[in-house]
C-alpha cells in the first residue's frame, strides 16, 4: 500500500501542475481571441460610421464609447 503522506504529495503536485497548465492554456486562448476580435476603440467607431454614410463628430464618438462602457458594466453586474 502507498503511504498517506505520499498520496498527499502527489495530489498537491497534480493540483499545482493543473493550475499552471490551465493558466497557460487560458492565456493562449485569450491572446488568440483578442487577436481575432480586437476591442472596439474610437478609430474603429469612426470607420464604421463613415462606412455607413454618417459624418462622425467627436461628441457622437465619445457618446457611443460611453454607452458601450455603460452597457458592458451593467452586463457584468448580472
N, C-alpha and C. Protein backbone atom coordinates (compact mmCIF):
# COMPACT_ATOMS: atom_id res chain seq x y z
N UNK A 1 0.84 -1.19 0.00
CA UNK A 1 0.00 0.00 0.00
C UNK A 1 0.88 1.25 0.00
N UNK A 2 0.34 2.31 -0.53
CA UNK A 2 1.04 3.58 -0.60
C UNK A 2 0.73 4.37 0.68
N UNK A 3 1.75 5.00 1.23
CA UNK A 3 1.54 5.74 2.48
C UNK A 3 0.74 7.02 2.22
N UNK A 4 0.04 7.46 3.24
CA UNK A 4 -0.83 8.63 3.14
C UNK A 4 -0.06 9.90 2.80
N UNK A 5 1.10 10.18 3.42
CA UNK A 5 1.82 11.41 3.06
C UNK A 5 2.24 11.43 1.58
N UNK A 6 2.55 10.27 1.03
CA UNK A 6 2.94 10.22 -0.38
C UNK A 6 1.75 10.55 -1.28
N UNK A 7 0.59 10.08 -0.93
CA UNK A 7 -0.63 10.38 -1.69
C UNK A 7 -0.90 11.89 -1.64
N UNK A 8 -0.75 12.48 -0.46
CA UNK A 8 -1.00 13.92 -0.31
C UNK A 8 -0.01 14.71 -1.17
N UNK A 9 1.25 14.31 -1.19
CA UNK A 9 2.26 14.99 -2.01
C UNK A 9 1.89 14.90 -3.49
N UNK A 10 1.47 13.72 -3.95
CA UNK A 10 1.08 13.56 -5.35
C UNK A 10 -0.14 14.41 -5.71
N UNK A 11 -1.10 14.49 -4.81
CA UNK A 11 -2.29 15.30 -5.06
C UNK A 11 -1.92 16.78 -5.16
N UNK A 12 -1.06 17.24 -4.25
CA UNK A 12 -0.66 18.65 -4.27
C UNK A 12 0.12 18.95 -5.55
N UNK A 13 1.03 18.07 -5.92
CA UNK A 13 1.81 18.28 -7.16
C UNK A 13 0.88 18.27 -8.37
N UNK A 14 -0.06 17.36 -8.40
CA UNK A 14 -1.02 17.31 -9.51
C UNK A 14 -1.87 18.57 -9.59
N UNK A 15 -2.30 19.08 -8.44
CA UNK A 15 -3.10 20.31 -8.42
C UNK A 15 -2.29 21.50 -8.92
N UNK A 16 -1.03 21.58 -8.50
CA UNK A 16 -0.17 22.68 -8.95
C UNK A 16 0.09 22.60 -10.45
N UNK A 17 0.38 21.41 -10.94
CA UNK A 17 0.60 21.26 -12.39
C UNK A 17 -0.66 21.61 -13.17
N UNK A 18 -1.81 21.20 -12.68
CA UNK A 18 -3.07 21.53 -13.34
C UNK A 18 -3.34 23.02 -13.35
N UNK A 19 -3.04 23.70 -12.24
CA UNK A 19 -3.26 25.15 -12.17
C UNK A 19 -2.32 25.88 -13.14
N UNK A 20 -1.06 25.49 -13.18
CA UNK A 20 -0.10 26.14 -14.07
C UNK A 20 -0.48 25.87 -15.53
N UNK A 21 -0.82 24.64 -15.84
CA UNK A 21 -1.23 24.31 -17.20
C UNK A 21 -2.49 25.04 -17.62
N UNK A 22 -3.46 25.12 -16.71
CA UNK A 22 -4.70 25.84 -17.00
C UNK A 22 -4.46 27.32 -17.24
N UNK A 23 -3.55 27.89 -16.45
CA UNK A 23 -3.23 29.31 -16.62
C UNK A 23 -2.68 29.58 -18.02
N UNK A 24 -1.71 28.75 -18.45
CA UNK A 24 -1.10 28.99 -19.75
C UNK A 24 -2.06 28.69 -20.90
N UNK A 25 -2.92 27.71 -20.75
CA UNK A 25 -3.93 27.45 -21.78
C UNK A 25 -4.92 28.61 -21.88
N UNK A 26 -5.37 29.12 -20.75
CA UNK A 26 -6.31 30.25 -20.76
C UNK A 26 -5.65 31.50 -21.34
N UNK A 27 -4.38 31.70 -21.01
CA UNK A 27 -3.65 32.85 -21.53
C UNK A 27 -3.53 32.79 -23.05
N UNK A 28 -3.19 31.63 -23.57
CA UNK A 28 -3.06 31.43 -25.02
C UNK A 28 -4.41 31.65 -25.70
N UNK A 29 -5.48 31.11 -25.10
CA UNK A 29 -6.82 31.27 -25.66
C UNK A 29 -7.20 32.75 -25.74
N UNK A 30 -6.95 33.50 -24.67
CA UNK A 30 -7.32 34.92 -24.66
C UNK A 30 -6.48 35.73 -25.65
N UNK A 31 -5.21 35.39 -25.79
CA UNK A 31 -4.38 36.10 -26.77
C UNK A 31 -4.91 35.86 -28.18
N UNK A 32 -5.27 34.63 -28.49
CA UNK A 32 -5.82 34.33 -29.81
C UNK A 32 -7.15 35.03 -30.02
N UNK A 33 -7.99 35.05 -28.98
CA UNK A 33 -9.31 35.68 -29.07
C UNK A 33 -9.17 37.18 -29.36
N UNK A 34 -8.29 37.86 -28.61
CA UNK A 34 -8.14 39.30 -28.82
C UNK A 34 -7.45 39.61 -30.14
N UNK A 35 -6.66 38.69 -30.65
CA UNK A 35 -6.05 38.89 -31.96
C UNK A 35 -7.11 38.83 -33.05
N UNK A 36 -8.06 37.90 -32.91
CA UNK A 36 -9.13 37.76 -33.91
C UNK A 36 -10.23 38.80 -33.71
N UNK A 37 -10.52 39.18 -32.47
CA UNK A 37 -11.61 40.11 -32.13
C UNK A 37 -11.08 41.24 -31.26
N UNK A 38 -10.42 42.22 -31.84
CA UNK A 38 -9.89 43.31 -31.00
C UNK A 38 -11.02 44.13 -30.40
N UNK A 39 -10.79 44.69 -29.21
CA UNK A 39 -11.82 45.53 -28.60
C UNK A 39 -12.07 46.78 -29.45
N UNK A 40 -13.28 47.28 -29.40
CA UNK A 40 -13.66 48.44 -30.21
C UNK A 40 -13.04 49.70 -29.60
N UNK A 41 -12.43 50.50 -30.45
CA UNK A 41 -11.88 51.78 -29.99
C UNK A 41 -12.48 52.90 -30.83
N UNK A 42 -12.06 54.12 -30.55
CA UNK A 42 -12.65 55.29 -31.22
C UNK A 42 -12.39 55.29 -32.72
N UNK A 43 -11.23 54.84 -33.14
CA UNK A 43 -10.92 54.79 -34.58
C UNK A 43 -11.83 53.81 -35.30
N UNK A 44 -12.10 52.67 -34.67
CA UNK A 44 -12.99 51.69 -35.30
C UNK A 44 -14.41 52.24 -35.41
N UNK A 45 -14.88 52.95 -34.38
CA UNK A 45 -16.21 53.57 -34.44
C UNK A 45 -16.27 54.59 -35.56
N UNK A 46 -15.23 55.40 -35.68
CA UNK A 46 -15.18 56.41 -36.74
C UNK A 46 -15.28 55.75 -38.12
N UNK A 47 -14.52 54.67 -38.29
CA UNK A 47 -14.52 53.96 -39.57
C UNK A 47 -15.89 53.36 -39.86
N UNK A 48 -16.51 52.75 -38.84
CA UNK A 48 -17.84 52.16 -39.04
C UNK A 48 -18.87 53.22 -39.41
N UNK A 49 -18.83 54.35 -38.72
CA UNK A 49 -19.79 55.40 -39.02
C UNK A 49 -19.59 55.96 -40.42
N UNK A 50 -18.34 56.13 -40.82
CA UNK A 50 -18.07 56.64 -42.16
C UNK A 50 -18.52 55.64 -43.22
N UNK A 51 -18.35 54.35 -42.95
CA UNK A 51 -18.78 53.35 -43.93
C UNK A 51 -20.30 53.28 -44.04
N UNK A 52 -21.01 53.71 -42.97
CA UNK A 52 -22.47 53.73 -43.02
C UNK A 52 -22.99 55.05 -43.57
N UNK A 53 -22.08 55.94 -43.96
CA UNK A 53 -22.50 57.20 -44.57
C UNK A 53 -22.75 58.31 -43.58
N UNK A 54 -22.38 58.13 -42.33
CA UNK A 54 -22.57 59.18 -41.33
C UNK A 54 -21.27 59.94 -41.15
N UNK A 55 -21.39 61.21 -40.85
CA UNK A 55 -20.20 62.01 -40.55
C UNK A 55 -19.99 61.97 -39.04
N UNK A 56 -18.93 61.30 -38.60
CA UNK A 56 -18.74 61.15 -37.16
C UNK A 56 -18.18 62.42 -36.51
N UNK A 57 -18.95 62.96 -35.59
CA UNK A 57 -18.45 64.09 -34.82
C UNK A 57 -17.78 63.54 -33.56
N UNK A 58 -16.91 64.33 -32.97
CA UNK A 58 -16.20 63.88 -31.77
C UNK A 58 -17.18 63.62 -30.62
N UNK A 59 -18.22 64.43 -30.55
CA UNK A 59 -19.23 64.27 -29.50
C UNK A 59 -19.95 62.93 -29.66
N UNK A 60 -20.30 62.60 -30.91
CA UNK A 60 -21.00 61.34 -31.18
C UNK A 60 -20.12 60.14 -30.84
N UNK A 61 -18.85 60.23 -31.20
CA UNK A 61 -17.91 59.13 -30.93
C UNK A 61 -17.79 58.91 -29.43
N UNK A 62 -17.59 59.99 -28.68
CA UNK A 62 -17.44 59.87 -27.23
C UNK A 62 -18.72 59.35 -26.58
N UNK A 63 -19.87 59.79 -27.10
CA UNK A 63 -21.15 59.34 -26.57
C UNK A 63 -21.33 57.85 -26.80
N UNK A 64 -20.98 57.36 -27.97
CA UNK A 64 -21.10 55.93 -28.26
C UNK A 64 -20.14 55.10 -27.41
N UNK A 65 -18.91 55.60 -27.21
CA UNK A 65 -17.95 54.89 -26.36
C UNK A 65 -18.47 54.81 -24.93
N UNK A 66 -19.05 55.90 -24.44
CA UNK A 66 -19.59 55.92 -23.08
C UNK A 66 -20.76 54.95 -22.95
N UNK A 67 -21.61 54.89 -23.98
CA UNK A 67 -22.73 53.96 -23.95
C UNK A 67 -22.24 52.51 -23.93
N UNK A 68 -21.21 52.22 -24.70
CA UNK A 68 -20.67 50.86 -24.72
C UNK A 68 -20.05 50.50 -23.37
N UNK A 69 -19.35 51.44 -22.74
CA UNK A 69 -18.77 51.18 -21.43
C UNK A 69 -19.86 50.95 -20.39
N UNK A 70 -20.92 51.75 -20.45
CA UNK A 70 -22.04 51.58 -19.53
C UNK A 70 -22.72 50.26 -19.73
N UNK A 71 -22.92 49.87 -20.99
CA UNK A 71 -23.57 48.61 -21.30
C UNK A 71 -22.72 47.44 -20.81
N UNK A 72 -21.39 47.51 -20.99
CA UNK A 72 -20.51 46.45 -20.53
C UNK A 72 -20.53 46.35 -19.02
N UNK A 73 -20.54 47.47 -18.32
CA UNK A 73 -20.51 47.41 -16.86
C UNK A 73 -21.83 46.87 -16.31
N UNK A 74 -22.96 47.19 -16.93
CA UNK A 74 -24.24 46.66 -16.45
C UNK A 74 -24.38 45.18 -16.76
N UNK A 75 -23.82 44.73 -17.88
CA UNK A 75 -23.93 43.32 -18.21
C UNK A 75 -23.02 42.47 -17.32
N UNK A 76 -21.92 43.05 -16.83
CA UNK A 76 -21.03 42.31 -15.93
C UNK A 76 -21.65 42.16 -14.54
N UNK A 77 -22.51 43.10 -14.14
CA UNK A 77 -23.13 43.05 -12.82
C UNK A 77 -24.15 41.92 -12.73
N UNK A 78 -24.73 41.53 -13.86
CA UNK A 78 -25.78 40.50 -13.87
C UNK A 78 -25.24 39.15 -13.60
